[in-house]
Amino acid sequence: VSVCLPARECAATVGQIVDALMALRQAGAIDEVVVVDAASADGTAAVA
């Protein structure tokens, strides 16, 4: 299972979302968490 987040200027929310998804990965429910960033200027990529 891959979970994908298309993202544009989502620094305020993407970190919490990825945290929750990484916990699912630890639990064995998913395998991959990918953020596809649209060159966000607010640091979305770094946060994710």
All heavy atoms as atom14 arrays in JSON, in Angstrom:
{
  "sequence": "VSVCLPARECAATVGQIVDALMALRQAGAIDEVVVVDAASADGTAAVA",
  "atom14_mask": [
    [1, 1, 1, 1, 1, 1, 1, 0, 0, 0, 0, 0, 0, 0],
    [1, 1, 1, 1, 1, 1, 0, 0, 0, 0, 0, 0, 0, 0],
    [1, 1, 1, 1, 1, 1, 1, 0, 0, 0, 0, 0, 0, 0],
    [1, 1, 1, 1, 1, 1, 0, 0, 0, 0, 0, 0, 0, 0],
    [1, 1, 1, 1, 1, 1, 1, 1, 0, 0, 0, 0, 0, 0],
    [1, 1, 1, 1, 1, 1, 1, 0, 0, 0, 0, 0, 0, 0],
    [1, 1, 1, 1, 1, 0, 0, 0, 0, 0, 0, 0, 0, 0],
    [1, 1, 1, 1, 1, 1, 1, 1, 1, 1, 1, 0, 0, 0],
    [1, 1, 1, 1, 1, 1, 1, 1, 1, 0, 0, 0, 0, 0],
    [1, 1, 1, 1, 1, 1, 0, 0, 0, 0, 0, 0, 0, 0],
    [1, 1, 1, 1, 1, 0, 0, 0, 0, 0, 0, 0, 0, 0],
    [1, 1, 1, 1, 1, 0, 0, 0, 0, 0, 0, 0, 0, 0],
    [1, 1, 1, 1, 1, 1, 1, 0, 0, 0, 0, 0, 0, 0],
    [1, 1, 1, 1, 1, 1, 1, 0, 0, 0, 0, 0, 0, 0],
    [1, 1, 1, 1, 0, 0, 0, 0, 0, 0, 0, 0, 0, 0],
    [1, 1, 1, 1, 1, 1, 1, 1, 1, 0, 0, 0, 0, 0],
    [1, 1, 1, 1, 1, 1, 1, 1, 0, 0, 0, 0, 0, 0],
    [1, 1, 1, 1, 1, 1, 1, 0, 0, 0, 0, 0, 0, 0],
    [1, 1, 1, 1, 1, 1, 1, 1, 0, 0, 0, 0, 0, 0],
    [1, 1, 1, 1, 1, 0, 0, 0, 0, 0, 0, 0, 0, 0],
    [1, 1, 1, 1, 1, 1, 1, 1, 0, 0, 0, 0, 0, 0],
    [1, 1, 1, 1, 1, 1, 1, 1, 0, 0, 0, 0, 0, 0],
    [1, 1, 1, 1, 1, 0, 0, 0, 0, 0, 0, 0, 0, 0],
    [1, 1, 1, 1, 1, 1, 1, 1, 0, 0, 0, 0, 0, 0],
    [1, 1, 1, 1, 1, 1, 1, 1, 1, 1, 1, 0, 0, 0],
    [1, 1, 1, 1, 1, 1, 1, 1, 1, 0, 0, 0, 0, 0],
    [1, 1, 1, 1, 1, 0, 0, 0, 0, 0, 0, 0, 0, 0],
    [1, 1, 1, 1, 0, 0, 0, 0, 0, 0, 0, 0, 0, 0],
    [1, 1, 1, 1, 1, 0, 0, 0, 0, 0, 0, 0, 0, 0],
    [1, 1, 1, 1, 1, 1, 1, 1, 0, 0, 0, 0, 0, 0],
    [1, 1, 1, 1, 1, 1, 1, 1, 0, 0, 0, 0, 0, 0],
    [1, 1, 1, 1, 1, 1, 1, 1, 1, 0, 0, 0, 0, 0],
    [1, 1, 1, 1, 1, 1, 1, 0, 0, 0, 0, 0, 0, 0],
    [1, 1, 1, 1, 1, 1, 1, 0, 0, 0, 0, 0, 0, 0],
    [1, 1, 1, 1, 1, 1, 1, 0, 0, 0, 0, 0, 0, 0],
    [1, 1, 1, 1, 1, 1, 1, 0, 0, 0, 0, 0, 0, 0],
    [1, 1, 1, 1, 1, 1, 1, 1, 0, 0, 0, 0, 0, 0],
    [1, 1, 1, 1, 1, 0, 0, 0, 0, 0, 0, 0, 0, 0],
    [1, 1, 1, 1, 1, 0, 0, 0, 0, 0, 0, 0, 0, 0],
    [1, 1, 1, 1, 1, 1, 0, 0, 0, 0, 0, 0, 0, 0],
    [1, 1, 1, 1, 1, 0, 0, 0, 0, 0, 0, 0, 0, 0],
    [1, 1, 1, 1, 1, 1, 1, 1, 0, 0, 0, 0, 0, 0],
    [1, 1, 1, 1, 0, 0, 0, 0, 0, 0, 0, 0, 0, 0],
    [1, 1, 1, 1, 1, 1, 1, 0, 0, 0, 0, 0, 0, 0],
    [1, 1, 1, 1, 1, 0, 0, 0, 0, 0, 0, 0, 0, 0],
    [1, 1, 1, 1, 1, 0, 0, 0, 0, 0, 0, 0, 0, 0],
    [1, 1, 1, 1, 1, 1, 1, 0, 0, 0, 0, 0, 0, 0],
    [1, 1, 1, 1, 1, 0, 0, 0, 0, 0, 0, 0, 0, 0]
  ],
  "atom14_positions": [
    [[0.84, -1.2, 0.0], [0.0, 0.0, 0.0], [0.87, 1.25, 0.0], [1.76, 1.41, 0.85], [-0.93, 0.04, 1.23], [-1.76, 1.33, 1.22], [-1.83, -1.18, 1.26], [0.0, 0.0, 0.0], [0.0, 0.0, 0.0], [0.0, 0.0, 0.0], [0.0, 0.0, 0.0], [0.0, 0.0, 0.0], [0.0, 0.0, 0.0], [0.0, 0.0, 0.0]],
    [[0.62, 2.14, -0.94], [1.24, 3.46, -0.98], [0.2, 4.52, -0.67], [-0.91, 4.46, -1.19], [1.84, 3.76, -2.36], [2.9, 2.88, -2.67], [0.0, 0.0, 0.0], [0.0, 0.0, 0.0], [0.0, 0.0, 0.0], [0.0, 0.0, 0.0], [0.0, 0.0, 0.0], [0.0, 0.0, 0.0], [0.0, 0.0, 0.0], [0.0, 0.0, 0.0]],
    [[0.55, 5.49, 0.17], [-0.3, 6.65, 0.43], [0.4, 7.87, -0.14], [1.57, 8.12, 0.15], [-0.58, 6.84, 1.92], [-1.44, 8.09, 2.15], [-1.28, 5.61, 2.51], [0.0, 0.0, 0.0], [0.0, 0.0, 0.0], [0.0, 0.0, 0.0], [0.0, 0.0, 0.0], [0.0, 0.0, 0.0], [0.0, 0.0, 0.0], [0.0, 0.0, 0.0]],
    [[-0.32, 8.61, -0.97], [0.26, 9.76, -1.67], [-0.5, 11.03, -1.33], [-1.73, 11.05, -1.36], [0.23, 9.51, -3.17], [0.92, 10.87, -4.16], [0.0, 0.0, 0.0], [0.0, 0.0, 0.0], [0.0, 0.0, 0.0], [0.0, 0.0, 0.0], [0.0, 0.0, 0.0], [0.0, 0.0, 0.0], [0.0, 0.0, 0.0], [0.0, 0.0, 0.0]],
    [[0.25, 12.09, -1.04], [-0.33, 13.4, -0.72], [0.14, 14.43, -1.74], [1.27, 14.92, -1.66], [0.11, 13.86, 0.67], [-0.16, 12.94, 1.86], [0.6, 13.43, 3.08], [-1.64, 12.86, 2.16], [0.0, 0.0, 0.0], [0.0, 0.0, 0.0], [0.0, 0.0, 0.0], [0.0, 0.0, 0.0], [0.0, 0.0, 0.0], [0.0, 0.0, 0.0]],
    [[-0.66, 14.78, -2.74], [-0.32, 15.93, -3.57], [-0.41, 17.19, -2.71], [-1.39, 17.38, -1.98], [-1.41, 15.92, -4.65], [-2.02, 14.54, -4.59], [-1.91, 14.12, -3.17], [0.0, 0.0, 0.0], [0.0, 0.0, 0.0], [0.0, 0.0, 0.0], [0.0, 0.0, 0.0], [0.0, 0.0, 0.0], [0.0, 0.0, 0.0], [0.0, 0.0, 0.0]],
    [[0.6, 18.05, -2.77], [0.66, 19.16, -1.81], [1.08, 20.45, -2.48], [1.98, 20.47, -3.32], [1.63, 18.83, -0.68], [0.0, 0.0, 0.0], [0.0, 0.0, 0.0], [0.0, 0.0, 0.0], [0.0, 0.0, 0.0], [0.0, 0.0, 0.0], [0.0, 0.0, 0.0], [0.0, 0.0, 0.0], [0.0, 0.0, 0.0], [0.0, 0.0, 0.0]],
    [[0.41, 21.53, -2.09], [0.8, 22.88, -2.51], [0.58, 23.82, -1.33], [-0.55, 24.02, -0.89], [-0.04, 23.33, -3.71], [0.36, 24.72, -4.25], [-0.61, 25.2, -5.32], [-0.61, 24.33, -6.48], [0.22, 24.45, -7.52], [1.11, 25.42, -7.53], [0.15, 23.61, -8.53], [0.0, 0.0, 0.0], [0.0, 0.0, 0.0], [0.0, 0.0, 0.0]],
    [[1.65, 24.38, -0.8], [1.59, 25.33, 0.33], [0.82, 24.73, 1.51], [-0.17, 25.31, 1.98], [0.94, 26.65, -0.13], [1.49, 27.23, -1.43], [2.97, 27.61, -1.37], [3.51, 27.76, -0.26], [3.59, 27.75, -2.44], [0.0, 0.0, 0.0], [0.0, 0.0, 0.0], [0.0, 0.0, 0.0], [0.0, 0.0, 0.0], [0.0, 0.0, 0.0]],
    [[1.26, 23.59, 1.98], [0.56, 22.87, 3.06], [1.45, 22.66, 4.28], [1.27, 21.68, 5.03], [0.06, 21.53, 2.55], [-1.19, 21.62, 1.26], [0.0, 0.0, 0.0], [0.0, 0.0, 0.0], [0.0, 0.0, 0.0], [0.0, 0.0, 0.0], [0.0, 0.0, 0.0], [0.0, 0.0, 0.0], [0.0, 0.0, 0.0], [0.0, 0.0, 0.0]],
    [[2.41, 23.55, 4.51], [3.35, 23.36, 5.62], [2.64, 23.31, 6.97], [3.11, 22.65, 7.9], [4.39, 24.48, 5.61], [0.0, 0.0, 0.0], [0.0, 0.0, 0.0], [0.0, 0.0, 0.0], [0.0, 0.0, 0.0], [0.0, 0.0, 0.0], [0.0, 0.0, 0.0], [0.0, 0.0, 0.0], [0.0, 0.0, 0.0], [0.0, 0.0, 0.0]],
    [[1.52, 24.0, 7.11], [0.83, 24.06, 8.39], [0.16, 22.74, 8.77], [-0.12, 22.5, 9.95], [-0.22, 25.18, 8.37], [0.0, 0.0, 0.0], [0.0, 0.0, 0.0], [0.0, 0.0, 0.0], [0.0, 0.0, 0.0], [0.0, 0.0, 0.0], [0.0, 0.0, 0.0], [0.0, 0.0, 0.0], [0.0, 0.0, 0.0], [0.0, 0.0, 0.0]],
    [[-0.1, 21.89, 7.79], [-0.85, 20.65, 8.06], [-0.11, 19.38, 7.69], [-0.38, 18.33, 8.27], [-2.19, 20.66, 7.29], [-1.94, 20.95, 5.9], [-3.14, 21.7, 7.86], [0.0, 0.0, 0.0], [0.0, 0.0, 0.0], [0.0, 0.0, 0.0], [0.0, 0.0, 0.0], [0.0, 0.0, 0.0], [0.0, 0.0, 0.0], [0.0, 0.0, 0.0]],
    [[0.8, 19.42, 6.74], [1.37, 18.19, 6.21], [2.18, 17.41, 7.24], [2.21, 16.17, 7.21], [2.2, 18.47, 4.95], [3.53, 19.16, 5.28], [2.43, 17.2, 4.14], [0.0, 0.0, 0.0], [0.0, 0.0, 0.0], [0.0, 0.0, 0.0], [0.0, 0.0, 0.0], [0.0, 0.0, 0.0], [0.0, 0.0, 0.0], [0.0, 0.0, 0.0]],
    [[2.81, 18.1, 8.18], [3.62, 17.41, 9.18], [2.8, 16.48, 10.05], [3.17, 15.31, 10.28], [0.0, 0.0, 0.0], [0.0, 0.0, 0.0], [0.0, 0.0, 0.0], [0.0, 0.0, 0.0], [0.0, 0.0, 0.0], [0.0, 0.0, 0.0], [0.0, 0.0, 0.0], [0.0, 0.0, 0.0], [0.0, 0.0, 0.0], [0.0, 0.0, 0.0]],
    [[1.66, 16.96, 10.54], [0.79, 16.14, 11.37], [0.25, 14.95, 10.58], [0.13, 13.84, 11.11], [-0.38, 16.97, 11.91], [-1.36, 16.17, 12.75], [-2.65, 16.91, 13.02], [-2.81, 18.07, 12.64], [-3.59, 16.24, 13.65], [0.0, 0.0, 0.0], [0.0, 0.0, 0.0], [0.0, 0.0, 0.0], [0.0, 0.0, 0.0], [0.0, 0.0, 0.0]],
    [[-0.09, 15.19, 9.32], [-0.62, 14.11, 8.49], [0.43, 13.03, 8.28], [0.15, 11.83, 8.44], [-1.1, 14.67, 7.14], [-2.28, 15.64, 7.35], [-1.51, 13.54, 6.2], [-2.68, 16.39, 6.09], [0.0, 0.0, 0.0], [0.0, 0.0, 0.0], [0.0, 0.0, 0.0], [0.0, 0.0, 0.0], [0.0, 0.0, 0.0], [0.0, 0.0, 0.0]],
    [[1.64, 13.43, 7.95], [2.7, 12.44, 7.74], [3.01, 11.7, 9.03], [3.24, 10.48, 9.02], [3.96, 13.12, 7.16], [5.13, 12.13, 7.11], [3.68, 13.67, 5.76], [0.0, 0.0, 0.0], [0.0, 0.0, 0.0], [0.0, 0.0, 0.0], [0.0, 0.0, 0.0], [0.0, 0.0, 0.0], [0.0, 0.0, 0.0], [0.0, 0.0, 0.0]],
    [[3.01, 12.39, 10.16], [3.23, 11.72, 11.45], [2.24, 10.57, 11.65], [2.6, 9.46, 12.03], [3.09, 12.71, 12.61], [4.3, 13.62, 12.77], [5.37, 13.29, 12.24], [4.15, 14.67, 13.43], [0.0, 0.0, 0.0], [0.0, 0.0, 0.0], [0.0, 0.0, 0.0], [0.0, 0.0, 0.0], [0.0, 0.0, 0.0], [0.0, 0.0, 0.0]],
    [[0.95, 10.86, 11.38], [-0.09, 9.84, 11.56], [0.1, 8.68, 10.58], [-0.09, 7.51, 10.94], [-1.47, 10.46, 11.38], [0.0, 0.0, 0.0], [0.0, 0.0, 0.0], [0.0, 0.0, 0.0], [0.0, 0.0, 0.0], [0.0, 0.0, 0.0], [0.0, 0.0, 0.0], [0.0, 0.0, 0.0], [0.0, 0.0, 0.0], [0.0, 0.0, 0.0]],
    [[0.5, 8.99, 9.37], [0.7, 7.94, 8.36], [1.94, 7.11, 8.66], [1.95, 5.89, 8.44], [0.81, 8.57, 6.98], [-0.47, 9.24, 6.46], [-0.2, 9.95, 5.14], [-1.6, 8.23, 6.3], [0.0, 0.0, 0.0], [0.0, 0.0, 0.0], [0.0, 0.0, 0.0], [0.0, 0.0, 0.0], [0.0, 0.0, 0.0], [0.0, 0.0, 0.0]],
    [[2.98, 7.73, 9.19], [4.17, 6.97, 9.55], [3.87, 6.0, 10.69], [4.42, 4.9, 10.76], [5.31, 7.91, 9.93], [5.82, 8.77, 8.78], [6.36, 7.82, 7.32], [7.8, 6.98, 7.99], [0.0, 0.0, 0.0], [0.0, 0.0, 0.0], [0.0, 0.0, 0.0], [0.0, 0.0, 0.0], [0.0, 0.0, 0.0], [0.0, 0.0, 0.0]],
    [[2.96, 6.39, 11.59], [2.53, 5.48, 12.65], [1.81, 4.27, 12.05], [1.97, 3.13, 12.52], [1.64, 6.2, 13.65], [0.0, 0.0, 0.0], [0.0, 0.0, 0.0], [0.0, 0.0, 0.0], [0.0, 0.0, 0.0], [0.0, 0.0, 0.0], [0.0, 0.0, 0.0], [0.0, 0.0, 0.0], [0.0, 0.0, 0.0], [0.0, 0.0, 0.0]],
    [[1.02, 4.49, 10.99], [0.37, 3.38, 10.31], [1.4, 2.47, 9.64], [1.24, 1.24, 9.61], [-0.59, 3.9, 9.24], [-1.92, 4.5, 9.71], [-2.74, 4.92, 8.5], [-2.7, 3.5, 10.55], [0.0, 0.0, 0.0], [0.0, 0.0, 0.0], [0.0, 0.0, 0.0], [0.0, 0.0, 0.0], [0.0, 0.0, 0.0], [0.0, 0.0, 0.0]],
    [[2.44, 3.07, 9.14], [3.5, 2.25, 8.54], [4.17, 1.39, 9.6], [4.43, 0.21, 9.37], [4.52, 3.17, 7.85], [5.62, 2.43, 7.12], [6.61, 3.37, 6.47], [7.7, 2.63, 5.87], [8.76, 3.21, 5.34], [8.87, 4.53, 5.31], [9.72, 2.48, 4.82], [0.0, 0.0, 0.0], [0.0, 0.0, 0.0], [0.0, 0.0, 0.0]],
    [[4.41, 1.98, 10.75], [5.0, 1.22, 11.86], [4.09, 0.07, 12.28], [4.56, -1.01, 12.65], [5.24, 2.14, 13.05], [6.36, 3.15, 12.86], [7.74, 2.56, 13.13], [7.87, 1.57, 13.83], [8.77, 3.19, 12.56], [0.0, 0.0, 0.0], [0.0, 0.0, 0.0], [0.0, 0.0, 0.0], [0.0, 0.0, 0.0], [0.0, 0.0, 0.0]],
    [[2.79, 0.29, 12.2], [1.81, -0.73, 12.6], [1.6, -1.8, 11.52], [0.87, -2.77, 11.75], [0.48, -0.07, 12.93], [0.0, 0.0, 0.0], [0.0, 0.0, 0.0], [0.0, 0.0, 0.0], [0.0, 0.0, 0.0], [0.0, 0.0, 0.0], [0.0, 0.0, 0.0], [0.0, 0.0, 0.0], [0.0, 0.0, 0.0], [0.0, 0.0, 0.0]],
    [[2.2, -1.62, 10.35], [2.08, -2.6, 9.29], [0.85, -2.44, 8.42], [0.52, -3.33, 7.63], [0.0, 0.0, 0.0], [0.0, 0.0, 0.0], [0.0, 0.0, 0.0], [0.0, 0.0, 0.0], [0.0, 0.0, 0.0], [0.0, 0.0, 0.0], [0.0, 0.0, 0.0], [0.0, 0.0, 0.0], [0.0, 0.0, 0.0], [0.0, 0.0, 0.0]],
    [[0.15, -1.3, 8.53], [-1.07, -1.1, 7.74], [-0.78, -0.56, 6.35], [-1.57, -0.76, 5.42], [-2.02, -0.15, 8.47], [0.0, 0.0, 0.0], [0.0, 0.0, 0.0], [0.0, 0.0, 0.0], [0.0, 0.0, 0.0], [0.0, 0.0, 0.0], [0.0, 0.0, 0.0], [0.0, 0.0, 0.0], [0.0, 0.0, 0.0], [0.0, 0.0, 0.0]],
    [[0.33, 0.17, 6.18], [0.73, 0.7, 4.88], [2.24, 0.52, 4.74], [2.94, 0.21, 5.71], [0.35, 2.19, 4.71], [1.1, 3.07, 5.71], [-1.15, 2.39, 4.86], [0.87, 4.56, 5.51], [0.0, 0.0, 0.0], [0.0, 0.0, 0.0], [0.0, 0.0, 0.0], [0.0, 0.0, 0.0], [0.0, 0.0, 0.0], [0.0, 0.0, 0.0]],
    [[2.73, 0.75, 3.52], [4.15, 0.54, 3.26], [4.92, 1.8, 2.88], [6.12, 1.87, 3.12], [4.32, -0.48, 2.11], [3.69, -1.81, 2.44], [4.2, -2.5, 3.32], [2.67, -2.14, 1.81], [0.0, 0.0, 0.0], [0.0, 0.0, 0.0], [0.0, 0.0, 0.0], [0.0, 0.0, 0.0], [0.0, 0.0, 0.0], [0.0, 0.0, 0.0]],
    [[4.23, 2.76, 2.29], [4.93, 3.89, 1.7], [4.13, 5.16, 1.88], [2.9, 5.16, 1.71], [5.16, 3.62, 0.21], [5.92, 4.7, -0.54], [6.09, 4.37, -2.02], [5.12, 3.92, -2.66], [7.19, 4.61, -2.54], [0.0, 0.0, 0.0], [0.0, 0.0, 0.0], [0.0, 0.0, 0.0], [0.0, 0.0, 0.0], [0.0, 0.0, 0.0]],
    [[4.8, 6.26, 2.26], [4.17, 7.57, 2.38], [4.94, 8.54, 1.48], [6.13, 8.78, 1.69], [4.19, 8.09, 3.83], [3.52, 9.46, 3.92], [3.51, 7.1, 4.76], [0.0, 0.0, 0.0], [0.0, 0.0, 0.0], [0.0, 0.0, 0.0], [0.0, 0.0, 0.0], [0.0, 0.0, 0.0], [0.0, 0.0, 0.0], [0.0, 0.0, 0.0]],
    [[4.26, 9.08, 0.48], [4.9, 9.95, -0.5], [4.17, 11.28, -0.57], [2.94, 11.31, -0.7], [4.92, 9.3, -1.9], [5.52, 10.25, -2.93], [5.7, 7.99, -1.87], [0.0, 0.0, 0.0], [0.0, 0.0, 0.0], [0.0, 0.0, 0.0], [0.0, 0.0, 0.0], [0.0, 0.0, 0.0], [0.0, 0.0, 0.0], [0.0, 0.0, 0.0]],
    [[4.9, 12.37, -0.46], [4.35, 13.71, -0.67], [4.86, 14.22, -2.01], [6.06, 14.25, -2.26], [4.76, 14.67, 0.47], [4.36, 16.11, 0.12], [4.11, 14.25, 1.79], [0.0, 0.0, 0.0], [0.0, 0.0, 0.0], [0.0, 0.0, 0.0], [0.0, 0.0, 0.0], [0.0, 0.0, 0.0], [0.0, 0.0, 0.0], [0.0, 0.0, 0.0]],
    [[3.94, 14.59, -2.88], [4.3, 15.16, -4.19], [4.07, 16.66, -4.1], [2.93, 17.13, -4.1], [3.47, 14.52, -5.32], [3.82, 15.17, -6.65], [3.74, 13.02, -5.38], [0.0, 0.0, 0.0], [0.0, 0.0, 0.0], [0.0, 0.0, 0.0], [0.0, 0.0, 0.0], [0.0, 0.0, 0.0], [0.0, 0.0, 0.0], [0.0, 0.0, 0.0]],
    [[5.15, 17.4, -4.02], [5.08, 18.84, -3.75], [5.08, 19.64, -5.04], [5.78, 19.31, -6.0], [6.27, 19.24, -2.88], [6.24, 20.71, -2.49], [5.15, 21.21, -2.14], [7.3, 21.37, -2.57], [0.0, 0.0, 0.0], [0.0, 0.0, 0.0], [0.0, 0.0, 0.0], [0.0, 0.0, 0.0], [0.0, 0.0, 0.0], [0.0, 0.0, 0.0]],
    [[4.29, 20.72, -5.04], [4.2, 21.6, -6.21], [5.08, 22.83, -6.01], [4.61, 23.97, -6.11], [2.75, 22.01, -6.43], [0.0, 0.0, 0.0], [0.0, 0.0, 0.0], [0.0, 0.0, 0.0], [0.0, 0.0, 0.0], [0.0, 0.0, 0.0], [0.0, 0.0, 0.0], [0.0, 0.0, 0.0], [0.0, 0.0, 0.0], [0.0, 0.0, 0.0]],
    [[6.36, 22.59, -5.7], [7.32, 23.68, -5.5], [6.8, 24.71, -4.5], [6.9, 25.93, -4.71], [7.64, 24.35, -6.83], [0.0, 0.0, 0.0], [0.0, 0.0, 0.0], [0.0, 0.0, 0.0], [0.0, 0.0, 0.0], [0.0, 0.0, 0.0], [0.0, 0.0, 0.0], [0.0, 0.0, 0.0], [0.0, 0.0, 0.0], [0.0, 0.0, 0.0]],
    [[6.25, 24.23, -3.4], [5.68, 25.12, -2.38], [6.74, 26.05, -1.81], [7.85, 25.64, -1.5], [5.05, 24.3, -1.26], [4.04, 23.46, -1.74], [0.0, 0.0, 0.0], [0.0, 0.0, 0.0], [0.0, 0.0, 0.0], [0.0, 0.0, 0.0], [0.0, 0.0, 0.0], [0.0, 0.0, 0.0], [0.0, 0.0, 0.0], [0.0, 0.0, 0.0]],
    [[6.36, 27.32, -1.64], [7.29, 28.32, -1.11], [7.27, 28.38, 0.42], [8.08, 29.08, 1.02], [6.94, 29.69, -1.68], [0.0, 0.0, 0.0], [0.0, 0.0, 0.0], [0.0, 0.0, 0.0], [0.0, 0.0, 0.0], [0.0, 0.0, 0.0], [0.0, 0.0, 0.0], [0.0, 0.0, 0.0], [0.0, 0.0, 0.0], [0.0, 0.0, 0.0]],
    [[6.33, 27.67, 1.06], [6.19, 27.78, 2.52], [6.93, 26.69, 3.29], [6.76, 26.57, 4.5], [4.7, 27.75, 2.89], [4.04, 26.4, 2.63], [4.66, 25.55, 1.96], [2.9, 26.2, 3.11], [0.0, 0.0, 0.0], [0.0, 0.0, 0.0], [0.0, 0.0, 0.0], [0.0, 0.0, 0.0], [0.0, 0.0, 0.0], [0.0, 0.0, 0.0]],
    [[7.75, 25.9, 2.62], [8.5, 24.86, 3.31], [7.78, 23.54, 3.44], [8.18, 22.69, 4.24], [0.0, 0.0, 0.0], [0.0, 0.0, 0.0], [0.0, 0.0, 0.0], [0.0, 0.0, 0.0], [0.0, 0.0, 0.0], [0.0, 0.0, 0.0], [0.0, 0.0, 0.0], [0.0, 0.0, 0.0], [0.0, 0.0, 0.0], [0.0, 0.0, 0.0]],
    [[6.73, 23.32, 2.66], [5.98, 22.06, 2.72], [6.89, 20.85, 2.58], [6.79, 19.88, 3.34], [4.91, 22.03, 1.61], [3.91, 23.01, 1.89], [4.24, 20.67, 1.54], [0.0, 0.0, 0.0], [0.0, 0.0, 0.0], [0.0, 0.0, 0.0], [0.0, 0.0, 0.0], [0.0, 0.0, 0.0], [0.0, 0.0, 0.0], [0.0, 0.0, 0.0]],
    [[7.79, 20.87, 1.6], [8.65, 19.72, 1.34], [9.54, 19.41, 2.54], [9.68, 18.24, 2.93], [9.5, 19.98, 0.11], [0.0, 0.0, 0.0], [0.0, 0.0, 0.0], [0.0, 0.0, 0.0], [0.0, 0.0, 0.0], [0.0, 0.0, 0.0], [0.0, 0.0, 0.0], [0.0, 0.0, 0.0], [0.0, 0.0, 0.0], [0.0, 0.0, 0.0]],
    [[10.12, 20.43, 3.15], [11.02, 20.22, 4.29], [10.26, 19.66, 5.49], [10.74, 18.76, 6.18], [11.71, 21.53, 4.66], [0.0, 0.0, 0.0], [0.0, 0.0, 0.0], [0.0, 0.0, 0.0], [0.0, 0.0, 0.0], [0.0, 0.0, 0.0], [0.0, 0.0, 0.0], [0.0, 0.0, 0.0], [0.0, 0.0, 0.0], [0.0, 0.0, 0.0]],
    [[9.07, 20.19, 5.74], [8.26, 19.69, 6.85], [7.91, 18.23, 6.64], [8.01, 17.4, 7.56], [6.97, 20.54, 7.01], [6.03, 19.91, 8.03], [7.32, 21.96, 7.41], [0.0, 0.0, 0.0], [0.0, 0.0, 0.0], [0.0, 0.0, 0.0], [0.0, 0.0, 0.0], [0.0, 0.0, 0.0], [0.0, 0.0, 0.0], [0.0, 0.0, 0.0]],
    [[7.47, 17.89, 5.44], [7.09, 16.5, 5.14], [8.28, 15.56, 5.25], [8.16, 14.44, 5.78], [6.49, 16.43, 3.74], [0.0, 0.0, 0.0], [0.0, 0.0, 0.0], [0.0, 0.0, 0.0], [0.0, 0.0, 0.0], [0.0, 0.0, 0.0], [0.0, 0.0, 0.0], [0.0, 0.0, 0.0], [0.0, 0.0, 0.0], [0.0, 0.0, 0.0]]
  ]
}
